């Protein structure tokens, strides 16, 4: 699932699917990373903005892919959040390009 530029909010289940992680993991990260503050509706359901999702992708990358501890990831985000955000955007773009090229190759074969 990719971000739709026209959508304002995503549910926690949609975000978990995007990241390939569990909803409980996202709720845990919400407690651990003070900069992650999704909006909650009247029922208390979390509503994540595209910016929230980009932040979660960055957290996921730092913790799961790079092997940072939670404290290390927190420190990294506080010190150079913009740089990490750009890296995640580049990784996402490359993954999308790879998927496109693989589909194109399958169509040729």
PDB file of N, CA and C in Angstrom:
ATOM      1  N   UNK A   1       0.849  -1.182   0.000  1.00  0.00           N
ATOM      2  CA  UNK A   1       0.000   0.000   0.000  1.00  0.00           C
ATOM      3  C   UNK A   1       0.894   1.244   0.000  1.00  0.00           C
ATOM      4  N   UNK A   2       0.573   2.163  -0.865  1.00  0.00           N
ATOM      5  CA  UNK A   2       1.333   3.402  -0.954  1.00  0.00           C
ATOM      6  C   UNK A   2       0.484   4.566  -0.455  1.00  0.00           C
ATOM      7  N   UNK A   3       1.170   5.661  -0.148  1.00  0.00           N
ATOM      8  CA  UNK A   3       0.459   6.852   0.307  1.00  0.00           C
ATOM      9  C   UNK A   3      -0.278   7.492  -0.859  1.00  0.00           C
ATOM     10  N   UNK A   4      -1.519   7.830  -0.615  1.00  0.00           N
ATOM     11  CA  UNK A   4      -2.339   8.525  -1.589  1.00  0.00           C
ATOM     12  C   UNK A   4      -2.280  10.011  -1.251  1.00  0.00           C
ATOM     13  N   UNK A   5      -1.805  10.857  -2.175  1.00  0.00           N
ATOM     14  CA  UNK A   5      -1.666  12.282  -1.858  1.00  0.00           C
ATOM     15  C   UNK A   5      -2.978  12.978  -1.504  1.00  0.00           C
ATOM     16  N   UNK A   6      -4.102  12.377  -1.875  1.00  0.00           N
ATOM     17  CA  UNK A   6      -5.394  12.996  -1.597  1.00  0.00           C
ATOM     18  C   UNK A   6      -5.944  12.622  -0.217  1.00  0.00           C
ATOM     19  N   UNK A   7      -5.393  11.589   0.399  1.00  0.00           N
ATOM     20  CA  UNK A   7      -5.890  11.156   1.712  1.00  0.00           C
ATOM     21  C   UNK A   7      -5.207  11.923   2.826  1.00  0.00           C
ATOM     22  N   UNK A   8      -5.984  12.309   3.823  1.00  0.00           N
ATOM     23  CA  UNK A   8      -5.440  13.043   4.961  1.00  0.00           C
ATOM     24  C   UNK A   8      -5.010  12.110   6.083  1.00  0.00           C
ATOM     25  N   UNK A   9      -5.755  11.009   6.290  1.00  0.00           N
ATOM     26  CA  UNK A   9      -5.495  10.130   7.425  1.00  0.00           C
ATOM     27  C   UNK A   9      -5.543   8.664   7.021  1.00  0.00           C
ATOM     28  N   UNK A  10      -4.784   7.869   7.767  1.00  0.00           N
ATOM     29  CA  UNK A  10      -4.752   6.422   7.595  1.00  0.00           C
ATOM     30  C   UNK A  10      -4.961   5.770   8.955  1.00  0.00           C
ATOM     31  N   UNK A  11      -5.611   4.617   8.950  1.00  0.00           N
ATOM     32  CA  UNK A  11      -5.837   3.887  10.206  1.00  0.00           C
ATOM     33  C   UNK A  11      -4.563   3.155  10.614  1.00  0.00           C
ATOM     34  N   UNK A  12      -4.520   2.729  11.858  1.00  0.00           N
ATOM     35  CA  UNK A  12      -3.349   2.019  12.348  1.00  0.00           C
ATOM     36  C   UNK A  12      -3.158   0.692  11.621  1.00  0.00           C
ATOM     37  N   UNK A  13      -4.262   0.049  11.220  1.00  0.00           N
ATOM     38  CA  UNK A  13      -4.132  -1.215  10.493  1.00  0.00           C
ATOM     39  C   UNK A  13      -3.518  -0.987   9.109  1.00  0.00           C
ATOM     40  N   UNK A  14      -3.893   0.103   8.453  1.00  0.00           N
ATOM     41  CA  UNK A  14      -3.306   0.427   7.152  1.00  0.00           C
ATOM     42  C   UNK A  14      -1.818   0.740   7.287  1.00  0.00           C
ATOM     43  N   UNK A  15      -1.465   1.471   8.331  1.00  0.00           N
ATOM     44  CA  UNK A  15      -0.067   1.829   8.556  1.00  0.00           C
ATOM     45  C   UNK A  15       0.749   0.579   8.876  1.00  0.00           C
ATOM     46  N   UNK A  16       0.203  -0.303   9.692  1.00  0.00           N
ATOM     47  CA  UNK A  16       0.905  -1.547  10.035  1.00  0.00           C
ATOM     48  C   UNK A  16       1.163  -2.376   8.779  1.00  0.00           C
ATOM     49  N   UNK A  17       0.180  -2.414   7.893  1.00  0.00           N
ATOM     50  CA  UNK A  17       0.340  -3.151   6.639  1.00  0.00           C
ATOM     51  C   UNK A  17       1.430  -2.517   5.775  1.00  0.00           C
ATOM     52  N   UNK A  18       1.445  -1.190   5.696  1.00  0.00           N
ATOM     53  CA  UNK A  18       2.466  -0.489   4.909  1.00  0.00           C
ATOM     54  C   UNK A  18       3.869  -0.815   5.405  1.00  0.00           C
ATOM     55  N   UNK A  19       4.018  -0.867   6.722  1.00  0.00           N
ATOM     56  CA  UNK A  19       5.332  -1.071   7.319  1.00  0.00           C
ATOM     57  C   UNK A  19       5.700  -2.545   7.476  1.00  0.00           C
ATOM     58  N   UNK A  20       4.714  -3.409   7.325  1.00  0.00           N
ATOM     59  CA  UNK A  20       4.979  -4.827   7.538  1.00  0.00           C
ATOM     60  C   UNK A  20       5.260  -5.138   8.998  1.00  0.00           C
ATOM     61  N   UNK A  21       4.548  -4.471   9.871  1.00  0.00           N
ATOM     62  CA  UNK A  21       4.729  -4.670  11.313  1.00  0.00           C
ATOM     63  C   UNK A  21       3.349  -4.767  11.965  1.00  0.00           C
ATOM     64  N   UNK A  22       3.338  -4.937  13.270  1.00  0.00           N
ATOM     65  CA  UNK A  22       2.066  -5.090  13.976  1.00  0.00           C
ATOM     66  C   UNK A  22       1.545  -3.748  14.495  1.00  0.00           C
ATOM     67  N   UNK A  23       0.263  -3.726  14.766  1.00  0.00           N
ATOM     68  CA  UNK A  23      -0.348  -2.524  15.344  1.00  0.00           C
ATOM     69  C   UNK A  23       0.213  -2.260  16.734  1.00  0.00           C
ATOM     70  N   UNK A  24       0.467  -3.321  17.478  1.00  0.00           N
ATOM     71  CA  UNK A  24       1.016  -3.133  18.831  1.00  0.00           C
ATOM     72  C   UNK A  24       2.414  -2.520  18.772  1.00  0.00           C
ATOM     73  N   UNK A  25       3.188  -2.868  17.745  1.00  0.00           N
ATOM     74  CA  UNK A  25       4.519  -2.274  17.573  1.00  0.00           C
ATOM     75  C   UNK A  25       4.393  -0.770  17.346  1.00  0.00           C
ATOM     76  N   UNK A  26       3.424  -0.370  16.554  1.00  0.00           N
ATOM     77  CA  UNK A  26       3.220   1.051  16.273  1.00  0.00           C
ATOM     78  C   UNK A  26       2.780   1.779  17.542  1.00  0.00           C
ATOM     79  N   UNK A  27       1.882   1.174  18.301  1.00  0.00           N
ATOM     80  CA  UNK A  27       1.451   1.801  19.560  1.00  0.00           C
ATOM     81  C   UNK A  27       2.635   1.924  20.531  1.00  0.00           C
ATOM     82  N   UNK A  28       3.493   0.909  20.555  1.00  0.00           N
ATOM     83  CA  UNK A  28       4.671   0.950  21.418  1.00  0.00           C
ATOM     84  C   UNK A  28       5.594   2.083  20.999  1.00  0.00           C
ATOM     85  N   UNK A  29       5.849   2.207  19.688  1.00  0.00           N
ATOM     86  CA  UNK A  29       6.702   3.288  19.204  1.00  0.00           C
ATOM     87  C   UNK A  29       6.103   4.647  19.521  1.00  0.00           C
ATOM     88  N   UNK A  30       4.794   4.739  19.517  1.00  0.00           N
ATOM     89  CA  UNK A  30       4.135   6.001  19.848  1.00  0.00           C
ATOM     90  C   UNK A  30       4.496   6.433  21.273  1.00  0.00           C
ATOM     91  N   UNK A  31       4.588   5.468  22.166  1.00  0.00           N
ATOM     92  CA  UNK A  31       4.957   5.774  23.554  1.00  0.00           C
ATOM     93  C   UNK A  31       6.435   6.130  23.673  1.00  0.00           C
ATOM     94  N   UNK A  32       7.271   5.503  22.872  1.00  0.00           N
ATOM     95  CA  UNK A  32       8.721   5.669  22.978  1.00  0.00           C
ATOM     96  C   UNK A  32       9.265   6.905  22.263  1.00  0.00           C
ATOM     97  N   UNK A  33       8.577   7.359  21.229  1.00  0.00           N
ATOM     98  CA  UNK A  33       9.060   8.486  20.431  1.00  0.00           C
ATOM     99  C   UNK A  33       8.097   9.659  20.601  1.00  0.00           C
ATOM    100  N   UNK A  34       8.530  10.646  21.344  1.00  0.00           N
ATOM    101  CA  UNK A  34       7.658  11.770  21.698  1.00  0.00           C
ATOM    102  C   UNK A  34       7.210  12.588  20.490  1.00  0.00           C
ATOM    103  N   UNK A  35       7.976  12.556  19.415  1.00  0.00           N
ATOM    104  CA  UNK A  35       7.605  13.346  18.239  1.00  0.00           C
ATOM    105  C   UNK A  35       6.487  12.698  17.432  1.00  0.00           C
ATOM    106  N   UNK A  36       6.156  11.446  17.735  1.00  0.00           N
ATOM    107  CA  UNK A  36       5.082  10.736  17.051  1.00  0.00           C
ATOM    108  C   UNK A  36       3.780  10.942  17.824  1.00  0.00           C
ATOM    109  N   UNK A  37       2.905  11.753  17.262  1.00  0.00           N
ATOM    110  CA  UNK A  37       1.642  12.094  17.923  1.00  0.00           C
ATOM    111  C   UNK A  37       0.493  12.025  16.927  1.00  0.00           C
ATOM    112  N   UNK A  38      -0.001  10.820  16.640  1.00  0.00           N
ATOM    113  CA  UNK A  38      -1.133  10.747  15.704  1.00  0.00           C
ATOM    114  C   UNK A  38      -2.389  11.352  16.324  1.00  0.00           C
ATOM    115  N   UNK A  39      -3.216  11.874  15.461  1.00  0.00           N
ATOM    116  CA  UNK A  39      -4.498  12.422  15.901  1.00  0.00           C
ATOM    117  C   UNK A  39      -5.402  11.260  16.292  1.00  0.00           C
ATOM    118  N   UNK A  40      -6.304  11.488  17.238  1.00  0.00           N
ATOM    119  CA  UNK A  40      -7.277  10.462  17.618  1.00  0.00           C
ATOM    120  C   UNK A  40      -8.677  11.018  17.391  1.00  0.00           C
ATOM    121  N   UNK A  41      -9.555  10.176  16.844  1.00  0.00           N
ATOM    122  CA  UNK A  41     -10.927  10.613  16.613  1.00  0.00           C
ATOM    123  C   UNK A  41     -11.739  10.470  17.905  1.00  0.00           C
ATOM    124  N   UNK A  42     -13.042  10.717  17.819  1.00  0.00           N
ATOM    125  CA  UNK A  42     -13.885  10.688  19.015  1.00  0.00           C
ATOM    126  C   UNK A  42     -13.901   9.319  19.683  1.00  0.00           C
ATOM    127  N   UNK A  43     -13.745   8.272  18.897  1.00  0.00           N
ATOM    128  CA  UNK A  43     -13.710   6.913  19.450  1.00  0.00           C
ATOM    129  C   UNK A  43     -12.354   6.554  20.038  1.00  0.00           C
ATOM    130  N   UNK A  44     -11.364   7.395  19.809  1.00  0.00           N
ATOM    131  CA  UNK A  44     -10.016   7.119  20.302  1.00  0.00           C
ATOM    132  C   UNK A  44      -9.145   6.374  19.307  1.00  0.00           C
ATOM    133  N   UNK A  45      -9.653   6.189  18.085  1.00  0.00           N
ATOM    134  CA  UNK A  45      -8.866   5.516  17.051  1.00  0.00           C
ATOM    135  C   UNK A  45      -7.788   6.459  16.525  1.00  0.00           C
ATOM    136  N   UNK A  46      -6.605   5.921  16.354  1.00  0.00           N
ATOM    137  CA  UNK A  46      -5.502   6.723  15.847  1.00  0.00           C
ATOM    138  C   UNK A  46      -5.700   6.992  14.361  1.00  0.00           C
ATOM    139  N   UNK A  47      -5.377   8.228  13.967  1.00  0.00           N
ATOM    140  CA  UNK A  47      -5.442   8.633  12.571  1.00  0.00           C
ATOM    141  C   UNK A  47      -4.079   9.211  12.209  1.00  0.00           C
ATOM    142  N   UNK A  48      -3.378   8.511  11.341  1.00  0.00           N
ATOM    143  CA  UNK A  48      -2.021   8.889  10.984  1.00  0.00           C
ATOM    144  C   UNK A  48      -1.993   9.712   9.708  1.00  0.00           C
ATOM    145  N   UNK A  49      -1.280  10.817   9.736  1.00  0.00           N
ATOM    146  CA  UNK A  49      -1.091  11.657   8.558  1.00  0.00           C
ATOM    147  C   UNK A  49       0.069  11.082   7.747  1.00  0.00           C
ATOM    148  N   UNK A  50       0.214  11.508   6.494  1.00  0.00           N
ATOM    149  CA  UNK A  50       1.383  11.075   5.720  1.00  0.00           C
ATOM    150  C   UNK A  50       2.706  11.411   6.416  1.00  0.00           C
ATOM    151  N   UNK A  51       2.774  12.542   7.116  1.00  0.00           N
ATOM    152  CA  UNK A  51       3.995  12.884   7.851  1.00  0.00           C
ATOM    153  C   UNK A  51       4.244  11.899   8.992  1.00  0.00           C
ATOM    154  N   UNK A  52       3.177  11.489   9.693  1.00  0.00           N
ATOM    155  CA  UNK A  52       3.310  10.482  10.746  1.00  0.00           C
ATOM    156  C   UNK A  52       3.857   9.180  10.167  1.00  0.00           C
ATOM    157  N   UNK A  53       3.352   8.821   8.991  1.00  0.00           N
ATOM    158  CA  UNK A  53       3.774   7.573   8.356  1.00  0.00           C
ATOM    159  C   UNK A  53       5.234   7.654   7.931  1.00  0.00           C
ATOM    160  N   UNK A  54       5.649   8.800   7.417  1.00  0.00           N
ATOM    161  CA  UNK A  54       7.064   8.969   7.054  1.00  0.00           C
ATOM    162  C   UNK A  54       7.949   8.843   8.290  1.00  0.00           C
ATOM    163  N   UNK A  55       7.509   9.408   9.392  1.00  0.00           N
ATOM    164  CA  UNK A  55       8.262   9.292  10.639  1.00  0.00           C
ATOM    165  C   UNK A  55       8.326   7.826  11.085  1.00  0.00           C
ATOM    166  N   UNK A  56       7.213   7.127  10.994  1.00  0.00           N
ATOM    167  CA  UNK A  56       7.196   5.706  11.360  1.00  0.00           C
ATOM    168  C   UNK A  56       8.105   4.889  10.446  1.00  0.00           C
ATOM    169  N   UNK A  57       8.135   5.221   9.169  1.00  0.00           N
ATOM    170  CA  UNK A  57       9.042   4.531   8.247  1.00  0.00           C
ATOM    171  C   UNK A  57      10.491   4.772   8.643  1.00  0.00           C
ATOM    172  N   UNK A  58      10.783   5.982   9.059  1.00  0.00           N
ATOM    173  CA  UNK A  58      12.135   6.302   9.511  1.00  0.00           C
ATOM    174  C   UNK A  58      12.481   5.516  10.770  1.00  0.00           C
ATOM    175  N   UNK A  59      11.572   5.474  11.724  1.00  0.00           N
ATOM    176  CA  UNK A  59      11.782   4.709  12.956  1.00  0.00           C
ATOM    177  C   UNK A  59      11.988   3.238  12.612  1.00  0.00           C
ATOM    178  N   UNK A  60      11.131   2.712  11.757  1.00  0.00           N
ATOM    179  CA  UNK A  60      11.231   1.310  11.352  1.00  0.00           C
ATOM    180  C   UNK A  60      12.596   1.029  10.716  1.00  0.00           C
ATOM    181  N   UNK A  61      13.020   1.916   9.833  1.00  0.00           N
ATOM    182  CA  UNK A  61      14.317   1.757   9.162  1.00  0.00           C
ATOM    183  C   UNK A  61      15.463   1.768  10.171  1.00  0.00           C
ATOM    184  N   UNK A  62      15.433   2.721  11.078  1.00  0.00           N
ATOM    185  CA  UNK A  62      16.520   2.821  12.053  1.00  0.00           C
ATOM    186  C   UNK A  62      16.572   1.612  12.981  1.00  0.00           C
ATOM    187  N   UNK A  63      15.422   1.192  13.475  1.00  0.00           N
ATOM    188  CA  UNK A  63      15.378   0.112  14.470  1.00  0.00           C
ATOM    189  C   UNK A  63      15.527  -1.261  13.817  1.00  0.00           C
ATOM    190  N   UNK A  64      14.749  -1.510  12.772  1.00  0.00           N
ATOM    191  CA  UNK A  64      14.718  -2.850  12.168  1.00  0.00           C
ATOM    192  C   UNK A  64      15.839  -3.082  11.165  1.00  0.00           C
ATOM    193  N   UNK A  65      16.124  -2.079  10.327  1.00  0.00           N
ATOM    194  CA  UNK A  65      17.123  -2.275   9.272  1.00  0.00           C
ATOM    195  C   UNK A  65      18.541  -1.907   9.716  1.00  0.00           C
ATOM    196  N   UNK A  66      18.648  -0.817  10.453  1.00  0.00           N
ATOM    197  CA  UNK A  66      19.966  -0.339  10.860  1.00  0.00           C
ATOM    198  C   UNK A  66      20.423  -0.880  12.215  1.00  0.00           C
ATOM    199  N   UNK A  67      19.492  -1.455  12.985  1.00  0.00           N
ATOM    200  CA  UNK A  67      19.862  -2.054  14.261  1.00  0.00           C
ATOM    201  C   UNK A  67      20.039  -1.081  15.415  1.00  0.00           C
ATOM    202  N   UNK A  68      19.473   0.099  15.302  1.00  0.00           N
ATOM    203  CA  UNK A  68      19.551   1.071  16.398  1.00  0.00           C
ATOM    204  C   UNK A  68      18.705   0.597  17.579  1.00  0.00           C
ATOM    205  N   UNK A  69      19.151   0.948  18.779  1.00  0.00           N
ATOM    206  CA  UNK A  69      18.293   0.762  19.946  1.00  0.00           C
ATOM    207  C   UNK A  69      17.224   1.847  19.885  1.00  0.00           C
ATOM    208  N   UNK A  70      16.189   1.714  20.698  1.00  0.00           N
ATOM    209  CA  UNK A  70      15.150   2.748  20.714  1.00  0.00           C
ATOM    210  C   UNK A  70      15.728   4.097  21.117  1.00  0.00           C
ATOM    211  N   UNK A  71      16.594   4.089  22.119  1.00  0.00           N
ATOM    212  CA  UNK A  71      17.208   5.343  22.562  1.00  0.00           C
ATOM    213  C   UNK A  71      18.106   5.916  21.463  1.00  0.00           C
ATOM    214  N   UNK A  72      18.859   5.046  20.804  1.00  0.00           N
ATOM    215  CA  UNK A  72      19.735   5.496  19.716  1.00  0.00           C
ATOM    216  C   UNK A  72      18.933   6.076  18.560  1.00  0.00           C
ATOM    217  N   UNK A  73      17.829   5.427  18.214  1.00  0.00           N
ATOM    218  CA  UNK A  73      16.970   5.935  17.144  1.00  0.00           C
ATOM    219  C   UNK A  73      16.351   7.268  17.538  1.00  0.00           C
ATOM    220  N   UNK A  74      15.942   7.368  18.797  1.00  0.00           N
ATOM    221  CA  UNK A  74      15.371   8.623  19.301  1.00  0.00           C
ATOM    222  C   UNK A  74      16.395   9.750  19.194  1.00  0.00           C
ATOM    223  N   UNK A  75      17.614   9.483  19.628  1.00  0.00           N
ATOM    224  CA  UNK A  75      18.678  10.492  19.559  1.00  0.00           C
ATOM    225  C   UNK A  75      18.973  10.885  18.114  1.00  0.00           C
ATOM    226  N   UNK A  76      19.028   9.893  17.240  1.00  0.00           N
ATOM    227  CA  UNK A  76      19.314  10.143  15.824  1.00  0.00           C
ATOM    228  C   UNK A  76      18.227  11.027  15.208  1.00  0.00           C
ATOM    229  N   UNK A  77      16.985  10.725  15.514  1.00  0.00           N
ATOM    230  CA  UNK A  77      15.880  11.518  14.972  1.00  0.00           C
ATOM    231  C   UNK A  77      15.904  12.948  15.489  1.00  0.00           C
ATOM    232  N   UNK A  78      16.236  13.117  16.742  1.00  0.00           N
ATOM    233  CA  UNK A  78      16.275  14.463  17.315  1.00  0.00           C
ATOM    234  C   UNK A  78      17.418  15.283  16.724  1.00  0.00           C
ATOM    235  N   UNK A  79      18.526  14.620  16.398  1.00  0.00           N
ATOM    236  CA  UNK A  79      19.687  15.366  15.912  1.00  0.00           C
ATOM    237  C   UNK A  79      19.605  15.694  14.421  1.00  0.00           C
ATOM    238  N   UNK A  80      19.140  14.748  13.619  1.00  0.00           N
ATOM    239  CA  UNK A  80      19.085  15.041  12.183  1.00  0.00           C
ATOM    240  C   UNK A  80      17.891  14.363  11.514  1.00  0.00           C
ATOM    241  N   UNK A  81      16.718  14.744  11.966  1.00  0.00           N
ATOM    242  CA  UNK A  81      15.464  14.170  11.472  1.00  0.00           C
ATOM    243  C   UNK A  81      15.277  14.401   9.970  1.00  0.00           C
ATOM    244  N   UNK A  82      15.608  15.570   9.491  1.00  0.00           N
ATOM    245  CA  UNK A  82      15.393  15.884   8.072  1.00  0.00           C
ATOM    246  C   UNK A  82      16.235  14.996   7.165  1.00  0.00           C
ATOM    247  N   UNK A  83      17.484  14.751   7.561  1.00  0.00           N
ATOM    248  CA  UNK A  83      18.366  13.898   6.771  1.00  0.00           C
ATOM    249  C   UNK A  83      17.833  12.471   6.720  1.00  0.00           C
ATOM    250  N   UNK A  84      17.385  11.954   7.838  1.00  0.00           N
ATOM    251  CA  UNK A  84      16.830  10.598   7.872  1.00  0.00           C
ATOM    252  C   UNK A  84      15.559  10.514   7.040  1.00  0.00           C
ATOM    253  N   UNK A  85      14.744  11.544   7.086  1.00  0.00           N
ATOM    254  CA  UNK A  85      13.509  11.574   6.299  1.00  0.00           C
ATOM    255  C   UNK A  85      13.838  11.510   4.808  1.00  0.00           C
ATOM    256  N   UNK A  86      14.851  12.244   4.382  1.00  0.00           N
ATOM    257  CA  UNK A  86      15.246  12.218   2.976  1.00  0.00           C
ATOM    258  C   UNK A  86      15.753  10.837   2.586  1.00  0.00           C
ATOM    259  N   UNK A  87      16.499  10.197   3.464  1.00  0.00           N
ATOM    260  CA  UNK A  87      17.005   8.848   3.171  1.00  0.00           C
ATOM    261  C   UNK A  87      15.855   7.865   2.983  1.00  0.00           C
ATOM    262  N   UNK A  88      14.858   7.940   3.842  1.00  0.00           N
ATOM    263  CA  UNK A  88      13.715   7.042   3.735  1.00  0.00           C
ATOM    264  C   UNK A  88      12.954   7.313   2.445  1.00  0.00           C
ATOM    265  N   UNK A  89      12.807   8.582   2.078  1.00  0.00           N
ATOM    266  CA  UNK A  89      12.129   8.924   0.824  1.00  0.00           C
ATOM    267  C   UNK A  89      12.876   8.335  -0.376  1.00  0.00           C
ATOM    268  N   UNK A  90      14.198   8.396  -0.339  1.00  0.00           N
ATOM    269  CA  UNK A  90      15.004   7.827  -1.426  1.00  0.00           C
ATOM    270  C   UNK A  90      14.835   6.311  -1.468  1.00  0.00           C
ATOM    271  N   UNK A  91      14.854   5.657  -0.309  1.00  0.00           N
ATOM    272  CA  UNK A  91      14.675   4.205  -0.246  1.00  0.00           C
ATOM    273  C   UNK A  91      13.303   3.821  -0.801  1.00  0.00           C
ATOM    274  N   UNK A  92      12.258   4.550  -0.424  1.00  0.00           N
ATOM    275  CA  UNK A  92      10.910   4.276  -0.928  1.00  0.00           C
ATOM    276  C   UNK A  92      10.851   4.433  -2.447  1.00  0.00           C
ATOM    277  N   UNK A  93      11.466   5.479  -2.955  1.00  0.00           N
ATOM    278  CA  UNK A  93      11.480   5.708  -4.392  1.00  0.00           C
ATOM    279  C   UNK A  93      12.188   4.574  -5.121  1.00  0.00           C
ATOM    280  N   UNK A  94      13.316   4.125  -4.567  1.00  0.00           N
ATOM    281  CA  UNK A  94      14.047   3.024  -5.183  1.00  0.00           C
ATOM    282  C   UNK A  94      13.255   1.715  -5.142  1.00  0.00           C
ATOM    283  N   UNK A  95      12.549   1.466  -4.036  1.00  0.00           N
ATOM    284  CA  UNK A  95      11.718   0.256  -3.953  1.00  0.00           C
ATOM    285  C   UNK A  95      10.599   0.290  -4.985  1.00  0.00           C
ATOM    286  N   UNK A  96       9.967   1.459  -5.129  1.00  0.00           N
ATOM    287  CA  UNK A  96       8.905   1.595  -6.133  1.00  0.00           C
ATOM    288  C   UNK A  96       9.450   1.407  -7.544  1.00  0.00           C
ATOM    289  N   UNK A  97      10.632   1.948  -7.807  1.00  0.00           N
ATOM    290  CA  UNK A  97      11.267   1.795  -9.113  1.00  0.00           C
ATOM    291  C   UNK A  97      11.598   0.326  -9.380  1.00  0.00           C
ATOM    292  N   UNK A  98      12.105  -0.346  -8.362  1.00  0.00           N
ATOM    293  CA  UNK A  98      12.428  -1.766  -8.502  1.00  0.00           C
ATOM    294  C   UNK A  98      11.172  -2.575  -8.835  1.00  0.00           C
ATOM    295  N   UNK A  99      10.086  -2.314  -8.122  1.00  0.00           N
ATOM    296  CA  UNK A  99       8.824  -3.021  -8.383  1.00  0.00           C
ATOM    297  C   UNK A  99       8.347  -2.760  -9.813  1.00  0.00           C
ATOM    298  N   UNK A 100       8.435  -1.516 -10.240  1.00  0.00           N
ATOM    299  CA  UNK A 100       8.025  -1.160 -11.594  1.00  0.00           C
ATOM    300  C   UNK A 100       8.866  -1.895 -12.627  1.00  0.00           C
ATOM    301  N   UNK A 101      10.180  -1.916 -12.422  1.00  0.00           N
ATOM    302  CA  UNK A 101      11.066  -2.590 -13.372  1.00  0.00           C
ATOM    303  C   UNK A 101      10.830  -4.095 -13.405  1.00  0.00           C
ATOM    304  N   UNK A 102      10.543  -4.688 -12.235  1.00  0.00           N
ATOM    305  CA  UNK A 102      10.250  -6.116 -12.199  1.00  0.00           C
ATOM    306  C   UNK A 102       8.962  -6.433 -12.950  1.00  0.00           C
ATOM    307  N   UNK A 103       7.940  -5.595 -12.788  1.00  0.00           N
ATOM    308  CA  UNK A 103       6.687  -5.781 -13.520  1.00  0.00           C
ATOM    309  C   UNK A 103       6.912  -5.607 -15.022  1.00  0.00           C
ATOM    310  N   UNK A 104       7.718  -4.642 -15.379  1.00  0.00           N
ATOM    311  CA  UNK A 104       8.028  -4.394 -16.786  1.00  0.00           C
ATOM    312  C   UNK A 104       8.758  -5.592 -17.389  1.00  0.00           C
ATOM    313  N   UNK A 105       9.689  -6.134 -16.637  1.00  0.00           N
ATOM    314  CA  UNK A 105      10.446  -7.299 -17.103  1.00  0.00           C
ATOM    315  C   UNK A 105       9.525  -8.496 -17.305  1.00  0.00           C
ATOM    316  N   UNK A 106       8.600  -8.715 -16.367  1.00  0.00           N
ATOM    317  CA  UNK A 106       7.643  -9.814 -16.489  1.00  0.00           C
ATOM    318  C   UNK A 106       6.765  -9.646 -17.730  1.00  0.00           C
ATOM    319  N   UNK A 107       6.426  -8.409 -18.025  1.00  0.00           N
ATOM    320  CA  UNK A 107       5.618  -8.140 -19.214  1.00  0.00           C
ATOM    321  C   UNK A 107       6.363  -8.406 -20.505  1.00  0.00           C
ATOM    322  N   UNK A 108       7.658  -8.248 -20.495  1.00  0.00           N
ATOM    323  CA  UNK A 108       8.476  -8.490 -21.682  1.00  0.00           C
ATOM    324  C   UNK A 108       8.687  -9.989 -21.895  1.00  0.00           C
ATOM    325  N   UNK A 109       8.875 -10.712 -20.811  1.00  0.00           N
ATOM    326  CA  UNK A 109       9.149 -12.159 -20.889  1.00  0.00           C
ATOM    327  C   UNK A 109       7.994 -12.926 -21.337  1.00  0.00           C
TER     328      UNK A 109
END
